[in-house]
Every structure is written in structure tokens, then in C-alpha cells.
Amino acid sequence: MQETPDAIVIGSGPNGLVGANLLADRGWDVLVLEAQPDPGGAVRSGELTEPGFVHDRFSAFYPLAAASPVIRGLGLENFGLRWRHAPIALANPTPDGGCAVLSTDVDETAASRQLRPRRRRRLASAVRTVATSRPAPRRRAVDSVPARRRRRSPGRRGRAA
């Protein structure tokens, strides 16, 4: 007789996999269901244009993921994840034909918006504040999930369907 899982997660995108992993870490038996042939949701790479040329199929921009305590706690670097940081995080065309950018260089960001000196100083101050501050620890939603008491076989983290 097949045992009923403690939790069923629908979708193996980043949110589903993180949630399933956190529950499995708390001792839950988790079943992940995915309609697509490959896991990952919109986070996938593949050879679509040229053989040997691998690029992102859908999304590739996760500026806050590297700072997430939940993501950091998963230890994904131990499984091959490498964070890449572009000098320009994003760009947005403007109606006047220009392009506003969010750069790691405050001067470049300010120049892209032709900011006056006062606004440039405010931007630089905000960037310094964000770059040097650490958020206060917050209680995570998963902290309220009770741990399962039954014993599980070592190394079993859940199952995929």
C-alpha cells in the first residue's frame, strides 16, 4: 500500500521546489507534481539556436534571490549554482529615446537619468545605505511548520512524480 504524502506541491518552479525542500528539511514526506517534462518552471537553460550554445529559455534575472535567507539556507552553491552579477542589472527605454539603467556604479545610474547634483547625492546615499545595511532577521513562514516526528530513511528528501 502506498503511503499518503504529508504535502503535495503543484509545480516544480523555483517557489514550488524551495517550498518542497523546506518542508522535506522539516521531515515532511513531500510529493512534487509537474505537468512539464522538465522541472524548473521558467528557470531553464537549453540549446535552442545553435548546438553547444546554451542560453536561458525564459527568465534569468533574480537580483534578490542571492540575498534571500531562504535561498542562501539551501546551500545551492554546493550543488553547482554560480551567482553572476552584471555591471548593469537592468535597463529601461524612456519615451525620449534614452535608457535608464540600474548599475553597480552610482555615477552611471545617475548619468542615465541625467540627474541633477542634489538628486544624484540622494541616489548615492540610498545606494550606500542599501549596500552597507543588513536586514534584521525575520521569522520565516516555514518556522511555524511543525516538524514531523516519524523517522525517515537517511538521504530521502521527497519524491517527484
N, C-alpha and C. Protein backbone atom coordinates (compact mmCIF):
# COMPACT_ATOMS: atom_id res chain seq x y z
N MET A 1 0.84 -1.18 0.00
CA MET A 1 0.00 0.00 0.00
C MET A 1 0.89 1.25 0.00
N GLN A 2 0.55 2.19 -0.85
CA GLN A 2 1.34 3.41 -0.96
C GLN A 2 0.95 4.39 0.15
N GLU A 3 1.96 4.97 0.77
CA GLU A 3 1.74 5.93 1.85
C GLU A 3 1.30 7.27 1.27
N THR A 4 0.41 7.97 1.94
CA THR A 4 -0.03 9.30 1.53
C THR A 4 1.01 10.32 1.97
N PRO A 5 1.44 11.20 1.05
CA PRO A 5 2.43 12.21 1.45
C PRO A 5 1.83 13.21 2.43
N ASP A 6 2.72 13.85 3.18
CA ASP A 6 2.29 14.90 4.11
C ASP A 6 1.90 16.17 3.36
N ALA A 7 2.54 16.40 2.22
CA ALA A 7 2.27 17.61 1.43
C ALA A 7 2.41 17.29 -0.04
N ILE A 8 1.59 17.91 -0.85
CA ILE A 8 1.69 17.80 -2.30
C ILE A 8 1.93 19.21 -2.83
N VAL A 9 3.00 19.37 -3.59
CA VAL A 9 3.35 20.66 -4.17
C VAL A 9 3.05 20.57 -5.67
N ILE A 10 2.25 21.51 -6.16
CA ILE A 10 1.90 21.54 -7.56
C ILE A 10 2.83 22.50 -8.27
N GLY A 11 3.68 21.99 -9.15
CA GLY A 11 4.61 22.80 -9.92
C GLY A 11 6.02 22.74 -9.36
N SER A 12 6.97 22.53 -10.26
CA SER A 12 8.37 22.43 -9.83
C SER A 12 9.17 23.64 -10.27
N GLY A 13 8.53 24.81 -10.25
CA GLY A 13 9.26 26.05 -10.46
C GLY A 13 10.04 26.39 -9.21
N PRO A 14 10.75 27.52 -9.21
CA PRO A 14 11.56 27.89 -8.06
C PRO A 14 10.80 27.92 -6.74
N ASN A 15 9.61 28.52 -6.74
CA ASN A 15 8.85 28.61 -5.49
C ASN A 15 8.39 27.24 -5.01
N GLY A 16 7.90 26.41 -5.92
CA GLY A 16 7.47 25.08 -5.54
C GLY A 16 8.61 24.24 -5.01
N LEU A 17 9.76 24.29 -5.68
CA LEU A 17 10.90 23.48 -5.24
C LEU A 17 11.46 23.96 -3.91
N VAL A 18 11.52 25.28 -3.72
CA VAL A 18 12.01 25.80 -2.44
C VAL A 18 11.05 25.39 -1.32
N GLY A 19 9.74 25.55 -1.56
CA GLY A 19 8.76 25.16 -0.55
C GLY A 19 8.84 23.68 -0.23
N ALA A 20 8.94 22.85 -1.26
CA ALA A 20 9.04 21.40 -1.06
C ALA A 20 10.30 21.05 -0.29
N ASN A 21 11.40 21.71 -0.62
CA ASN A 21 12.66 21.44 0.06
C ASN A 21 12.60 21.83 1.54
N LEU A 22 12.00 22.98 1.82
CA LEU A 22 11.89 23.40 3.22
C LEU A 22 11.02 22.44 4.03
N LEU A 23 9.94 21.98 3.43
CA LEU A 23 9.09 21.01 4.12
C LEU A 23 9.83 19.69 4.33
N ALA A 24 10.54 19.23 3.30
CA ALA A 24 11.31 18.00 3.43
C ALA A 24 12.39 18.14 4.50
N ASP A 25 13.01 19.31 4.59
CA ASP A 25 14.01 19.54 5.64
C ASP A 25 13.39 19.44 7.03
N ARG A 26 12.10 19.74 7.13
CA ARG A 26 11.39 19.65 8.43
C ARG A 26 10.86 18.24 8.68
N GLY A 27 11.19 17.31 7.77
CA GLY A 27 10.80 15.93 7.98
C GLY A 27 9.52 15.50 7.30
N TRP A 28 8.93 16.35 6.49
CA TRP A 28 7.69 16.01 5.81
C TRP A 28 7.99 15.13 4.59
N ASP A 29 7.07 14.24 4.27
CA ASP A 29 7.13 13.47 3.04
C ASP A 29 6.41 14.31 1.99
N VAL A 30 7.15 14.76 0.96
CA VAL A 30 6.62 15.73 0.00
C VAL A 30 6.57 15.10 -1.39
N LEU A 31 5.45 15.27 -2.06
CA LEU A 31 5.29 14.84 -3.44
C LEU A 31 5.20 16.10 -4.30
N VAL A 32 6.07 16.22 -5.30
CA VAL A 32 6.07 17.36 -6.22
C VAL A 32 5.49 16.89 -7.55
N LEU A 33 4.45 17.56 -8.01
CA LEU A 33 3.82 17.23 -9.29
C LEU A 33 4.14 18.32 -10.30
N GLU A 34 4.52 17.91 -11.51
CA GLU A 34 4.88 18.87 -12.56
C GLU A 34 4.31 18.39 -13.88
N ALA A 35 3.61 19.25 -14.60
CA ALA A 35 3.00 18.90 -15.88
C ALA A 35 4.01 18.89 -17.02
N GLN A 36 5.07 19.68 -16.90
CA GLN A 36 6.06 19.78 -17.97
C GLN A 36 7.07 18.63 -17.88
N PRO A 37 7.76 18.33 -18.98
CA PRO A 37 8.72 17.23 -18.95
C PRO A 37 9.97 17.53 -18.11
N ASP A 38 10.28 18.79 -17.90
CA ASP A 38 11.47 19.17 -17.14
C ASP A 38 11.07 20.02 -15.95
N PRO A 39 11.76 19.85 -14.81
CA PRO A 39 11.48 20.72 -13.66
C PRO A 39 12.12 22.09 -13.85
N GLY A 40 11.73 23.04 -13.02
CA GLY A 40 12.38 24.34 -13.02
C GLY A 40 11.49 25.50 -13.37
N GLY A 41 10.29 25.25 -13.85
CA GLY A 41 9.42 26.37 -14.24
C GLY A 41 10.09 27.21 -15.31
N ALA A 42 10.17 28.50 -15.09
CA ALA A 42 10.77 29.40 -16.07
C ALA A 42 12.29 29.51 -15.91
N VAL A 43 12.86 28.77 -14.98
CA VAL A 43 14.30 28.82 -14.77
C VAL A 43 14.92 27.61 -15.46
N ARG A 44 15.20 27.77 -16.74
CA ARG A 44 15.77 26.67 -17.53
C ARG A 44 16.71 27.22 -18.58
N SER A 45 17.68 26.42 -18.90
CA SER A 45 18.60 26.75 -19.99
C SER A 45 18.53 25.62 -21.00
N GLY A 46 18.92 25.92 -22.22
CA GLY A 46 18.91 24.88 -23.24
C GLY A 46 19.55 25.34 -24.52
N GLU A 47 19.81 24.37 -25.38
CA GLU A 47 20.35 24.64 -26.71
C GLU A 47 19.17 24.86 -27.65
N LEU A 48 18.87 26.10 -27.95
CA LEU A 48 17.71 26.40 -28.79
C LEU A 48 18.09 26.97 -30.15
N THR A 49 19.24 27.61 -30.25
CA THR A 49 19.59 28.27 -31.51
C THR A 49 20.73 27.58 -32.25
N GLU A 50 21.77 27.21 -31.54
CA GLU A 50 22.95 26.58 -32.13
C GLU A 50 23.38 25.42 -31.24
N PRO A 51 23.82 24.33 -31.82
CA PRO A 51 24.33 23.24 -30.98
C PRO A 51 25.50 23.72 -30.13
N GLY A 52 25.47 23.40 -28.86
CA GLY A 52 26.54 23.80 -27.94
C GLY A 52 26.37 25.19 -27.36
N PHE A 53 25.43 25.98 -27.87
CA PHE A 53 25.18 27.32 -27.36
C PHE A 53 23.99 27.26 -26.41
N VAL A 54 24.27 27.31 -25.11
CA VAL A 54 23.23 27.20 -24.10
C VAL A 54 22.87 28.59 -23.61
N HIS A 55 21.61 28.90 -23.59
CA HIS A 55 21.16 30.20 -23.05
C HIS A 55 19.87 30.00 -22.28
N ASP A 56 19.46 31.05 -21.60
CA ASP A 56 18.25 30.99 -20.81
C ASP A 56 17.04 30.89 -21.73
N ARG A 57 16.14 29.99 -21.39
CA ARG A 57 14.94 29.83 -22.19
C ARG A 57 13.88 30.86 -21.84
N PHE A 58 13.78 31.18 -20.57
CA PHE A 58 12.72 32.07 -20.13
C PHE A 58 13.30 33.20 -19.29
N SER A 59 13.34 33.01 -18.00
CA SER A 59 13.80 34.07 -17.12
C SER A 59 15.23 33.83 -16.67
N ALA A 60 15.91 34.92 -16.32
CA ALA A 60 17.31 34.80 -15.91
C ALA A 60 17.72 35.86 -14.91
N PHE A 61 16.80 36.64 -14.43
CA PHE A 61 17.14 37.80 -13.62
C PHE A 61 16.56 37.64 -12.22
N TYR A 62 17.42 37.36 -11.25
CA TYR A 62 16.97 37.14 -9.88
C TYR A 62 17.82 37.98 -8.93
N PRO A 63 17.67 39.31 -8.97
CA PRO A 63 18.56 40.17 -8.19
C PRO A 63 18.41 40.01 -6.69
N LEU A 64 17.28 39.59 -6.22
CA LEU A 64 17.07 39.49 -4.77
C LEU A 64 17.27 38.06 -4.26
N ALA A 65 17.36 37.10 -5.15
CA ALA A 65 17.49 35.71 -4.71
C ALA A 65 18.78 35.48 -3.93
N ALA A 66 19.88 36.06 -4.38
CA ALA A 66 21.16 35.85 -3.70
C ALA A 66 21.14 36.41 -2.28
N ALA A 67 20.29 37.38 -2.03
CA ALA A 67 20.22 37.98 -0.69
C ALA A 67 19.16 37.31 0.19
N SER A 68 18.40 36.39 -0.37
CA SER A 68 17.32 35.75 0.38
C SER A 68 17.88 34.76 1.39
N PRO A 69 17.51 34.92 2.67
CA PRO A 69 17.97 33.95 3.67
C PRO A 69 17.50 32.54 3.38
N VAL A 70 16.30 32.40 2.81
CA VAL A 70 15.79 31.08 2.48
C VAL A 70 16.63 30.44 1.37
N ILE A 71 16.90 31.19 0.32
CA ILE A 71 17.71 30.66 -0.79
C ILE A 71 19.12 30.36 -0.30
N ARG A 72 19.72 31.27 0.46
CA ARG A 72 21.08 31.02 0.99
C ARG A 72 21.11 29.77 1.85
N GLY A 73 20.05 29.56 2.63
CA GLY A 73 19.99 28.40 3.52
C GLY A 73 19.93 27.07 2.80
N LEU A 74 19.58 27.08 1.53
CA LEU A 74 19.51 25.83 0.77
C LEU A 74 20.89 25.31 0.38
N GLY A 75 21.91 26.19 0.42
CA GLY A 75 23.26 25.76 0.06
C GLY A 75 23.39 25.34 -1.40
N LEU A 76 22.71 26.02 -2.29
CA LEU A 76 22.71 25.63 -3.69
C LEU A 76 24.09 25.71 -4.34
N GLU A 77 24.97 26.52 -3.77
CA GLU A 77 26.33 26.60 -4.31
C GLU A 77 27.03 25.24 -4.20
N ASN A 78 26.64 24.44 -3.22
CA ASN A 78 27.22 23.10 -3.05
C ASN A 78 26.80 22.15 -4.16
N PHE A 79 25.78 22.55 -4.91
CA PHE A 79 25.27 21.72 -5.99
C PHE A 79 25.53 22.34 -7.36
N GLY A 80 26.43 23.32 -7.41
CA GLY A 80 26.84 23.87 -8.70
C GLY A 80 26.32 25.24 -9.06
N LEU A 81 25.46 25.84 -8.23
CA LEU A 81 24.95 27.18 -8.55
C LEU A 81 26.10 28.18 -8.49
N ARG A 82 26.19 29.00 -9.50
CA ARG A 82 27.15 30.11 -9.51
C ARG A 82 26.36 31.39 -9.77
N TRP A 83 26.43 32.33 -8.83
CA TRP A 83 25.75 33.61 -9.00
C TRP A 83 26.59 34.47 -9.92
N ARG A 84 25.96 35.11 -10.86
CA ARG A 84 26.61 36.05 -11.78
C ARG A 84 26.03 37.43 -11.53
N HIS A 85 26.88 38.43 -11.52
CA HIS A 85 26.44 39.80 -11.28
C HIS A 85 26.90 40.68 -12.43
N ALA A 86 25.95 41.16 -13.19
CA ALA A 86 26.25 42.04 -14.31
C ALA A 86 26.47 43.45 -13.80
N PRO A 87 27.34 44.23 -14.45
CA PRO A 87 27.55 45.61 -14.02
C PRO A 87 26.29 46.47 -14.17
N ILE A 88 25.45 46.13 -15.13
CA ILE A 88 24.17 46.81 -15.28
C ILE A 88 23.09 45.76 -15.03
N ALA A 89 22.35 45.94 -13.94
CA ALA A 89 21.35 44.96 -13.54
C ALA A 89 20.11 45.01 -14.42
N LEU A 90 19.71 46.22 -14.81
CA LEU A 90 18.54 46.34 -15.69
C LEU A 90 18.60 47.66 -16.43
N ALA A 91 17.85 47.69 -17.51
CA ALA A 91 17.76 48.90 -18.34
C ALA A 91 16.32 49.04 -18.80
N ASN A 92 15.88 50.30 -18.91
CA ASN A 92 14.51 50.56 -19.33
C ASN A 92 14.51 51.72 -20.31
N PRO A 93 14.05 51.47 -21.54
CA PRO A 93 13.99 52.57 -22.50
C PRO A 93 13.02 53.65 -22.04
N THR A 94 13.34 54.88 -22.35
CA THR A 94 12.48 56.00 -21.98
C THR A 94 11.83 56.59 -23.23
N PRO A 95 10.71 57.28 -23.09
CA PRO A 95 10.00 57.82 -24.27
C PRO A 95 10.84 58.78 -25.11
N ASP A 96 11.83 59.42 -24.48
CA ASP A 96 12.64 60.38 -25.24
C ASP A 96 13.77 59.70 -26.03
N GLY A 97 13.79 58.36 -26.04
CA GLY A 97 14.83 57.65 -26.78
C GLY A 97 16.04 57.29 -25.94
N GLY A 98 16.07 57.75 -24.70
CA GLY A 98 17.18 57.40 -23.81
C GLY A 98 16.94 56.04 -23.16
N CYS A 99 17.77 55.76 -22.19
CA CYS A 99 17.64 54.48 -21.50
C CYS A 99 18.13 54.65 -20.06
N ALA A 100 17.23 54.43 -19.12
CA ALA A 100 17.60 54.48 -17.71
C ALA A 100 18.19 53.13 -17.32
N VAL A 101 19.31 53.15 -16.59
CA VAL A 101 19.93 51.89 -16.17
C VAL A 101 20.07 51.86 -14.66
N LEU A 102 20.11 50.66 -14.13
CA LEU A 102 20.44 50.45 -12.73
C LEU A 102 21.79 49.74 -12.74
N SER A 103 22.81 50.48 -12.39
CA SER A 103 24.18 50.00 -12.49
C SER A 103 24.80 49.83 -11.10
N THR A 104 25.85 49.05 -11.02
CA THR A 104 26.61 48.97 -9.77
C THR A 104 27.41 50.25 -9.56
N ASP A 105 27.48 51.08 -10.57
CA ASP A 105 28.17 52.37 -10.50
C ASP A 105 27.12 53.47 -10.36
N VAL A 106 27.11 54.13 -9.22
CA VAL A 106 26.11 55.17 -8.96
C VAL A 106 26.18 56.27 -10.01
N ASP A 107 27.38 56.66 -10.41
CA ASP A 107 27.51 57.72 -11.41
C ASP A 107 26.88 57.31 -12.74
N GLU A 108 27.06 56.06 -13.13
CA GLU A 108 26.46 55.58 -14.38
C GLU A 108 24.93 55.60 -14.29
N THR A 109 24.40 55.17 -13.16
CA THR A 109 22.95 55.19 -12.96
C THR A 109 22.44 56.63 -13.02
N ALA A 110 23.12 57.52 -12.32
CA ALA A 110 22.71 58.94 -12.30
C ALA A 110 22.80 59.55 -13.69
N ALA A 111 23.87 59.25 -14.42
CA ALA A 111 24.04 59.81 -15.76
C ALA A 111 22.95 59.32 -16.72
N SER A 112 22.51 58.08 -16.55
CA SER A 112 21.49 57.54 -17.45
C SER A 112 20.17 58.28 -17.30
N ARG A 113 19.96 58.91 -16.17
CA ARG A 113 18.74 59.66 -15.93
C ARG A 113 18.99 61.16 -15.92
N GLN A 114 20.21 61.56 -16.22
CA GLN A 114 20.57 62.98 -16.24
C GLN A 114 20.12 63.66 -14.95
N LEU A 115 20.49 63.05 -13.83
CA LEU A 115 20.09 63.58 -12.53
C LEU A 115 20.88 64.83 -12.17
N ARG A 116 20.21 65.77 -11.59
CA ARG A 116 20.88 66.96 -11.08
C ARG A 116 21.70 66.58 -9.86
N PRO A 117 22.69 67.39 -9.47
CA PRO A 117 23.59 67.03 -8.36
C PRO A 117 22.88 66.64 -7.07
N ARG A 118 21.83 67.36 -6.71
CA ARG A 118 21.14 67.05 -5.45
C ARG A 118 20.52 65.66 -5.50
N ARG A 119 19.85 65.34 -6.59
CA ARG A 119 19.22 64.01 -6.72
C ARG A 119 20.29 62.92 -6.83
N ARG A 120 21.40 63.22 -7.47
CA ARG A 120 22.49 62.26 -7.58
C ARG A 120 23.03 61.93 -6.19
N ARG A 121 23.19 62.95 -5.33
CA ARG A 121 23.67 62.72 -3.96
C ARG A 121 22.68 61.86 -3.18
N ARG A 122 21.37 62.12 -3.37
CA ARG A 122 20.35 61.31 -2.69
C ARG A 122 20.40 59.86 -3.17
N LEU A 123 20.60 59.67 -4.46
CA LEU A 123 20.72 58.32 -5.00
C LEU A 123 21.94 57.62 -4.41
N ALA A 124 23.07 58.31 -4.39
CA ALA A 124 24.31 57.72 -3.85
C ALA A 124 24.12 57.36 -2.38
N SER A 125 23.45 58.21 -1.64
CA SER A 125 23.20 57.93 -0.23
C SER A 125 22.32 56.69 -0.07
N ALA A 126 21.29 56.59 -0.88
CA ALA A 126 20.39 55.42 -0.81
C ALA A 126 21.15 54.15 -1.16
N VAL A 127 21.99 54.20 -2.19
CA VAL A 127 22.76 53.02 -2.59
C VAL A 127 23.72 52.61 -1.48
N ARG A 128 24.39 53.58 -0.87
CA ARG A 128 25.30 53.26 0.24
C ARG A 128 24.55 52.62 1.40
N THR A 129 23.37 53.15 1.71
CA THR A 129 22.57 52.60 2.80
C THR A 129 22.20 51.15 2.52
N VAL A 130 21.73 50.88 1.32
CA VAL A 130 21.33 49.52 0.96
C VAL A 130 22.54 48.60 0.93
N ALA A 131 23.66 49.08 0.40
CA ALA A 131 24.84 48.23 0.25
C ALA A 131 25.50 47.89 1.58
N THR A 132 25.33 48.74 2.58
CA THR A 132 26.03 48.51 3.85
C THR A 132 25.12 48.01 4.96
N SER A 133 23.82 47.94 4.71
CA SER A 133 22.92 47.51 5.79
C SER A 133 22.59 46.04 5.64
N ARG A 134 22.29 45.44 6.75
CA ARG A 134 21.83 44.06 6.78
C ARG A 134 20.42 44.07 7.36
N PRO A 135 19.49 43.40 6.69
CA PRO A 135 18.13 43.39 7.24
C PRO A 135 18.09 42.64 8.57
N ALA A 136 17.20 43.09 9.42
CA ALA A 136 17.02 42.40 10.71
C ALA A 136 16.45 41.02 10.44
N PRO A 137 16.87 40.03 11.21
CA PRO A 137 16.32 38.69 10.99
C PRO A 137 14.81 38.69 11.18
N ARG A 138 14.12 38.03 10.28
CA ARG A 138 12.67 37.95 10.38
C ARG A 138 12.27 36.49 10.51
N ARG A 139 11.17 36.29 11.15
CA ARG A 139 10.65 34.93 11.28
C ARG A 139 10.14 34.49 9.91
N ARG A 140 10.57 33.33 9.49
CA ARG A 140 10.12 32.81 8.20
C ARG A 140 8.82 32.06 8.39
N ALA A 141 8.01 32.03 7.36
CA ALA A 141 6.74 31.30 7.43
C ALA A 141 6.98 29.84 7.74
N VAL A 142 8.08 29.26 7.23
CA VAL A 142 8.34 27.84 7.45
C VAL A 142 8.68 27.55 8.90
N ASP A 143 9.09 28.55 9.67
CA ASP A 143 9.39 28.32 11.09
C ASP A 143 8.17 27.87 11.87
N SER A 144 6.98 28.19 11.37
CA SER A 144 5.76 27.79 12.07
C SER A 144 5.27 26.42 11.61
N VAL A 145 5.94 25.82 10.62
CA VAL A 145 5.55 24.48 10.15
C VAL A 145 6.11 23.46 11.13
N PRO A 146 5.25 22.63 11.69
CA PRO A 146 5.76 21.66 12.66
C PRO A 146 6.62 20.60 12.00
N ALA A 147 7.63 20.16 12.69
CA ALA A 147 8.48 19.08 12.20
C ALA A 147 7.72 17.77 12.36
N ARG A 148 7.94 16.87 11.43
CA ARG A 148 7.33 15.56 11.53
C ARG A 148 8.10 14.73 12.55
N ARG A 149 7.42 13.89 13.29
CA ARG A 149 8.07 13.10 14.33
C ARG A 149 8.53 11.74 13.84
N ARG A 150 7.92 11.21 12.79
CA ARG A 150 8.30 9.87 12.37
C ARG A 150 9.68 9.88 11.73
N ARG A 151 10.37 8.78 11.80
CA ARG A 151 11.72 8.69 11.25
C ARG A 151 11.63 8.36 9.77
N ARG A 152 12.56 8.90 9.03
CA ARG A 152 12.62 8.64 7.59
C ARG A 152 13.97 8.05 7.27
N SER A 153 14.04 7.37 6.16
CA SER A 153 15.30 6.79 5.78
C SER A 153 16.31 7.88 5.46
N PRO A 154 17.60 7.70 5.80
CA PRO A 154 18.61 8.73 5.54
C PRO A 154 18.70 9.06 4.06
N GLY A 155 18.84 10.34 3.77
CA GLY A 155 19.03 10.80 2.40
C GLY A 155 17.74 10.97 1.62
N ARG A 156 16.60 10.58 2.16
CA ARG A 156 15.34 10.74 1.45
C ARG A 156 14.80 12.14 1.66
N ARG A 157 14.64 12.89 0.60
CA ARG A 157 14.22 14.28 0.73
C ARG A 157 12.83 14.50 0.16
N GLY A 158 12.23 13.52 -0.36
CA GLY A 158 10.92 13.68 -1.01
C GLY A 158 10.93 12.88 -2.28
N ARG A 159 9.92 13.03 -3.07
CA ARG A 159 9.86 12.26 -4.31
C ARG A 159 9.24 13.11 -5.38
N ALA A 160 9.55 12.81 -6.59
CA ALA A 160 8.99 13.53 -7.73
C ALA A 160 8.11 12.58 -8.51
N ALA A 161 7.08 13.12 -9.11
CA ALA A 161 6.19 12.29 -9.93
C ALA A 161 6.40 12.63 -11.38
